[in-house]
């Protein structure tokens, strides 16, 4: 057998790194915190460039996402679309992480 050839038995024990990291995150109990972090850092990707130009996610605590908005007009608009935005965030994260949004 050539030295660079991996036996079939060894190949079957190799797992994708992403799956192993996900399992580790679940095992040590930080999955929720990572998803909360993503809710803030991926705000622009989730809501789109247009909304992100007028707002920014600041922090999340106990399921409440705080979003800073540039104008009261936009705050009213986003308040009307709050349920839609929460659904989009939670769908993107694959879990119900955001339970409420407070626009400031």
N, C-alpha and C. Protein backbone atom coordinates (compact mmCIF):
# COMPACT_ATOMS: atom_id res chain seq x y z
N UNK A 1 0.85 -1.17 0.00
CA UNK A 1 0.00 0.00 0.00
C UNK A 1 0.90 1.25 0.00
N UNK A 2 0.51 2.24 -0.78
CA UNK A 2 1.27 3.48 -0.86
C UNK A 2 1.12 4.26 0.45
N UNK A 3 2.13 4.98 0.88
CA UNK A 3 2.07 5.70 2.16
C UNK A 3 1.00 6.78 2.19
N UNK A 4 0.63 7.34 1.06
CA UNK A 4 -0.37 8.42 1.03
C UNK A 4 -1.79 7.90 0.91
N UNK A 5 -1.98 6.62 0.83
CA UNK A 5 -3.30 6.02 0.71
C UNK A 5 -3.88 5.78 2.10
N UNK A 6 -5.10 6.19 2.30
CA UNK A 6 -5.79 5.99 3.58
C UNK A 6 -6.64 4.75 3.44
N UNK A 7 -6.55 3.89 4.42
CA UNK A 7 -7.36 2.67 4.35
C UNK A 7 -8.83 3.02 4.50
N UNK A 8 -9.71 2.17 4.02
CA UNK A 8 -11.15 2.39 4.11
C UNK A 8 -11.59 2.46 5.56
N UNK A 9 -10.98 1.70 6.41
CA UNK A 9 -11.35 1.71 7.83
C UNK A 9 -11.04 3.07 8.45
N UNK A 10 -9.91 3.65 8.14
CA UNK A 10 -9.56 4.96 8.68
C UNK A 10 -10.46 6.05 8.08
N UNK A 11 -10.80 5.94 6.81
CA UNK A 11 -11.68 6.93 6.19
C UNK A 11 -13.03 6.98 6.86
N UNK A 12 -13.58 5.84 7.26
CA UNK A 12 -14.91 5.82 7.85
C UNK A 12 -14.94 6.50 9.21
N UNK A 13 -13.79 6.63 9.89
CA UNK A 13 -13.77 7.29 11.19
C UNK A 13 -13.59 8.80 11.08
N UNK A 14 -13.31 9.30 9.90
CA UNK A 14 -13.12 10.73 9.69
C UNK A 14 -14.49 11.39 9.57
N UNK A 15 -14.70 12.45 10.37
CA UNK A 15 -15.97 13.17 10.35
C UNK A 15 -15.71 14.61 9.94
N UNK A 16 -16.68 15.23 9.27
CA UNK A 16 -16.50 16.64 8.89
C UNK A 16 -16.26 17.51 10.13
N UNK A 17 -15.32 18.43 10.03
CA UNK A 17 -14.95 19.28 11.14
C UNK A 17 -16.13 20.10 11.64
N UNK A 18 -16.95 20.61 10.74
CA UNK A 18 -18.11 21.41 11.13
C UNK A 18 -19.06 20.66 12.04
N UNK A 19 -19.28 19.38 11.74
CA UNK A 19 -20.18 18.58 12.58
C UNK A 19 -19.58 18.34 13.95
N UNK A 20 -18.28 18.13 14.00
CA UNK A 20 -17.61 17.92 15.28
C UNK A 20 -17.64 19.19 16.13
N UNK A 21 -17.45 20.33 15.51
CA UNK A 21 -17.50 21.60 16.25
C UNK A 21 -18.91 21.83 16.77
N UNK A 22 -19.91 21.57 15.94
CA UNK A 22 -21.30 21.73 16.38
C UNK A 22 -21.61 20.82 17.57
N UNK A 23 -21.14 19.59 17.53
CA UNK A 23 -21.36 18.65 18.63
C UNK A 23 -20.67 19.15 19.90
N UNK A 24 -19.46 19.66 19.76
CA UNK A 24 -18.72 20.19 20.90
C UNK A 24 -19.44 21.39 21.51
N UNK A 25 -19.92 22.28 20.68
CA UNK A 25 -20.66 23.47 21.15
C UNK A 25 -21.88 23.04 21.94
N UNK A 26 -22.60 22.04 21.46
CA UNK A 26 -23.77 21.53 22.17
C UNK A 26 -23.36 20.87 23.48
N UNK A 27 -22.31 20.08 23.44
CA UNK A 27 -21.86 19.36 24.62
C UNK A 27 -21.44 20.29 25.76
N UNK A 28 -20.79 21.40 25.43
CA UNK A 28 -20.34 22.30 26.50
C UNK A 28 -21.37 23.37 26.84
N UNK A 29 -22.49 23.37 26.12
CA UNK A 29 -23.61 24.22 26.50
C UNK A 29 -23.53 25.68 26.11
N UNK A 30 -22.84 25.99 25.01
CA UNK A 30 -22.74 27.39 24.60
C UNK A 30 -23.48 27.68 23.30
N UNK A 31 -24.28 26.74 22.84
CA UNK A 31 -25.00 26.91 21.58
C UNK A 31 -25.92 28.15 21.63
N UNK A 32 -26.66 28.31 22.71
CA UNK A 32 -27.57 29.45 22.83
C UNK A 32 -26.80 30.77 22.78
N UNK A 33 -25.70 30.86 23.52
CA UNK A 33 -24.90 32.09 23.54
C UNK A 33 -24.33 32.40 22.15
N UNK A 34 -23.89 31.39 21.44
CA UNK A 34 -23.38 31.61 20.08
C UNK A 34 -24.48 32.09 19.15
N UNK A 35 -25.68 31.54 19.28
CA UNK A 35 -26.80 31.99 18.46
C UNK A 35 -27.20 33.42 18.81
N UNK A 36 -27.14 33.78 20.08
CA UNK A 36 -27.42 35.17 20.47
C UNK A 36 -26.39 36.10 19.85
N UNK A 37 -25.15 35.70 19.88
CA UNK A 37 -24.07 36.48 19.26
C UNK A 37 -24.34 36.66 17.77
N UNK A 38 -24.75 35.58 17.12
CA UNK A 38 -25.05 35.65 15.68
C UNK A 38 -26.22 36.58 15.39
N UNK A 39 -27.22 36.62 16.27
CA UNK A 39 -28.37 37.50 16.07
C UNK A 39 -27.92 38.96 15.98
N UNK A 40 -26.91 39.31 16.74
CA UNK A 40 -26.39 40.68 16.72
C UNK A 40 -25.43 40.88 15.54
N UNK A 41 -24.48 39.99 15.37
CA UNK A 41 -23.45 40.20 14.35
C UNK A 41 -23.95 39.99 12.93
N UNK A 42 -25.00 39.23 12.75
CA UNK A 42 -25.52 38.97 11.41
C UNK A 42 -26.77 39.79 11.09
N UNK A 43 -26.99 40.85 11.85
CA UNK A 43 -28.17 41.71 11.67
C UNK A 43 -28.31 42.16 10.21
N UNK A 44 -27.26 42.70 9.63
CA UNK A 44 -27.34 43.21 8.26
C UNK A 44 -27.69 42.10 7.27
N UNK A 45 -27.06 40.95 7.41
CA UNK A 45 -27.33 39.84 6.50
C UNK A 45 -28.78 39.37 6.63
N UNK A 46 -29.30 39.38 7.85
CA UNK A 46 -30.65 38.87 8.09
C UNK A 46 -31.72 39.85 7.62
N UNK A 47 -31.59 41.13 7.97
CA UNK A 47 -32.64 42.09 7.63
C UNK A 47 -32.43 42.77 6.29
N UNK A 48 -31.24 42.67 5.75
CA UNK A 48 -30.96 43.28 4.45
C UNK A 48 -30.29 44.63 4.59
N UNK A 49 -29.64 45.03 3.52
CA UNK A 49 -28.84 46.26 3.51
C UNK A 49 -29.69 47.50 3.76
N UNK A 50 -30.88 47.54 3.19
CA UNK A 50 -31.75 48.72 3.29
C UNK A 50 -32.09 49.03 4.75
N UNK A 51 -32.55 48.04 5.49
CA UNK A 51 -32.90 48.23 6.90
C UNK A 51 -31.64 48.44 7.73
N UNK A 52 -30.58 47.72 7.41
CA UNK A 52 -29.33 47.83 8.17
C UNK A 52 -28.69 49.21 8.05
N UNK A 53 -28.95 49.93 6.97
CA UNK A 53 -28.43 51.29 6.84
C UNK A 53 -29.04 52.22 7.88
N UNK A 54 -30.26 51.89 8.32
CA UNK A 54 -30.99 52.74 9.25
C UNK A 54 -31.00 52.22 10.68
N UNK A 55 -30.44 51.04 10.90
CA UNK A 55 -30.50 50.42 12.23
C UNK A 55 -29.30 49.51 12.45
N UNK A 56 -29.07 49.21 13.72
CA UNK A 56 -28.01 48.24 14.05
C UNK A 56 -28.37 47.53 15.35
N UNK A 57 -28.14 46.23 15.35
CA UNK A 57 -28.36 45.44 16.55
C UNK A 57 -27.23 45.76 17.53
N UNK A 58 -27.60 46.02 18.78
CA UNK A 58 -26.63 46.44 19.78
C UNK A 58 -26.26 45.30 20.71
N UNK A 59 -27.27 44.62 21.24
CA UNK A 59 -27.02 43.54 22.19
C UNK A 59 -28.28 42.68 22.32
N UNK A 60 -28.12 41.54 22.95
CA UNK A 60 -29.26 40.68 23.25
C UNK A 60 -29.07 40.13 24.66
N UNK A 61 -30.16 40.10 25.40
CA UNK A 61 -30.12 39.57 26.75
C UNK A 61 -31.45 38.91 27.06
N UNK A 62 -31.41 37.66 27.47
CA UNK A 62 -32.60 36.89 27.83
C UNK A 62 -33.67 36.94 26.73
N UNK A 63 -33.21 36.84 25.49
CA UNK A 63 -34.12 36.78 24.36
C UNK A 63 -34.62 38.13 23.86
N UNK A 64 -34.15 39.23 24.47
CA UNK A 64 -34.57 40.57 24.05
C UNK A 64 -33.43 41.21 23.26
N UNK A 65 -33.69 41.44 21.99
CA UNK A 65 -32.71 42.05 21.10
C UNK A 65 -32.93 43.56 21.10
N UNK A 66 -31.87 44.31 21.39
CA UNK A 66 -31.93 45.77 21.39
C UNK A 66 -31.34 46.26 20.07
N UNK A 67 -32.14 47.08 19.37
CA UNK A 67 -31.73 47.59 18.07
C UNK A 67 -31.77 49.11 18.10
N UNK A 68 -30.68 49.73 17.74
CA UNK A 68 -30.61 51.19 17.66
C UNK A 68 -31.07 51.60 16.26
N UNK A 69 -31.98 52.59 16.22
CA UNK A 69 -32.55 53.05 14.95
C UNK A 69 -32.24 54.53 14.79
N UNK A 70 -31.92 54.94 13.57
CA UNK A 70 -31.47 56.31 13.31
C UNK A 70 -32.57 57.36 13.49
N UNK A 71 -33.80 57.05 13.08
CA UNK A 71 -34.87 58.05 13.16
C UNK A 71 -36.13 57.45 13.75
N UNK A 72 -37.00 58.30 14.25
CA UNK A 72 -38.27 57.83 14.81
C UNK A 72 -39.17 57.25 13.71
N UNK A 73 -39.04 57.76 12.50
CA UNK A 73 -39.82 57.22 11.39
C UNK A 73 -39.45 55.76 11.15
N UNK A 74 -38.16 55.50 11.12
CA UNK A 74 -37.72 54.11 10.93
C UNK A 74 -38.06 53.25 12.14
N UNK A 75 -38.00 53.82 13.34
CA UNK A 75 -38.37 53.05 14.53
C UNK A 75 -39.83 52.60 14.42
N UNK A 76 -40.70 53.50 13.97
CA UNK A 76 -42.11 53.13 13.78
C UNK A 76 -42.27 52.05 12.72
N UNK A 77 -41.55 52.19 11.62
CA UNK A 77 -41.61 51.19 10.54
C UNK A 77 -41.17 49.82 11.03
N UNK A 78 -40.06 49.79 11.73
CA UNK A 78 -39.54 48.51 12.22
C UNK A 78 -40.43 47.92 13.31
N UNK A 79 -41.04 48.76 14.10
CA UNK A 79 -41.98 48.28 15.12
C UNK A 79 -43.16 47.58 14.46
N UNK A 80 -43.64 48.12 13.37
CA UNK A 80 -44.73 47.49 12.63
C UNK A 80 -44.31 46.15 12.03
N UNK A 81 -43.04 46.01 11.72
CA UNK A 81 -42.52 44.79 11.10
C UNK A 81 -41.82 43.87 12.10
N UNK A 82 -41.98 44.13 13.39
CA UNK A 82 -41.27 43.40 14.44
C UNK A 82 -41.44 41.89 14.36
N UNK A 83 -42.67 41.42 14.23
CA UNK A 83 -42.90 39.97 14.18
C UNK A 83 -42.21 39.34 12.98
N UNK A 84 -42.30 40.01 11.85
CA UNK A 84 -41.65 39.52 10.63
C UNK A 84 -40.13 39.43 10.82
N UNK A 85 -39.55 40.46 11.44
CA UNK A 85 -38.10 40.48 11.66
C UNK A 85 -37.69 39.39 12.64
N UNK A 86 -38.45 39.24 13.73
CA UNK A 86 -38.13 38.18 14.70
C UNK A 86 -38.19 36.81 14.05
N UNK A 87 -39.21 36.59 13.23
CA UNK A 87 -39.35 35.30 12.55
C UNK A 87 -38.15 35.04 11.64
N UNK A 88 -37.74 36.07 10.91
CA UNK A 88 -36.61 35.94 9.99
C UNK A 88 -35.32 35.63 10.75
N UNK A 89 -35.11 36.29 11.87
CA UNK A 89 -33.90 36.04 12.67
C UNK A 89 -33.91 34.61 13.19
N UNK A 90 -35.02 34.21 13.79
CA UNK A 90 -35.10 32.87 14.37
C UNK A 90 -35.01 31.78 13.31
N UNK A 91 -35.60 32.01 12.14
CA UNK A 91 -35.47 31.05 11.04
C UNK A 91 -34.02 30.92 10.60
N UNK A 92 -33.34 32.04 10.50
CA UNK A 92 -31.93 32.03 10.10
C UNK A 92 -31.07 31.29 11.11
N UNK A 93 -31.36 31.49 12.40
CA UNK A 93 -30.57 30.86 13.45
C UNK A 93 -30.98 29.41 13.71
N UNK A 94 -32.16 29.04 13.24
CA UNK A 94 -32.62 27.67 13.43
C UNK A 94 -33.13 27.37 14.83
N UNK A 95 -33.45 28.43 15.58
CA UNK A 95 -33.94 28.27 16.95
C UNK A 95 -34.64 29.56 17.37
N UNK A 96 -35.52 29.45 18.35
CA UNK A 96 -36.22 30.65 18.84
C UNK A 96 -35.33 31.36 19.85
N UNK A 97 -34.44 32.17 19.34
CA UNK A 97 -33.47 32.90 20.15
C UNK A 97 -34.02 34.27 20.54
N UNK A 98 -34.62 34.97 19.57
CA UNK A 98 -35.16 36.31 19.82
C UNK A 98 -36.64 36.19 20.14
N UNK A 99 -37.00 36.62 21.35
CA UNK A 99 -38.39 36.58 21.79
C UNK A 99 -39.04 37.95 21.75
N UNK A 100 -38.21 38.99 21.72
CA UNK A 100 -38.69 40.37 21.72
C UNK A 100 -37.61 41.24 21.10
N UNK A 101 -38.04 42.33 20.46
CA UNK A 101 -37.10 43.32 19.93
C UNK A 101 -37.50 44.67 20.50
N UNK A 102 -36.51 45.38 21.00
CA UNK A 102 -36.73 46.76 21.49
C UNK A 102 -35.97 47.70 20.58
N UNK A 103 -36.71 48.59 19.95
CA UNK A 103 -36.10 49.57 19.06
C UNK A 103 -35.86 50.87 19.84
N UNK A 104 -34.65 51.39 19.77
CA UNK A 104 -34.28 52.62 20.48
C UNK A 104 -33.89 53.70 19.49
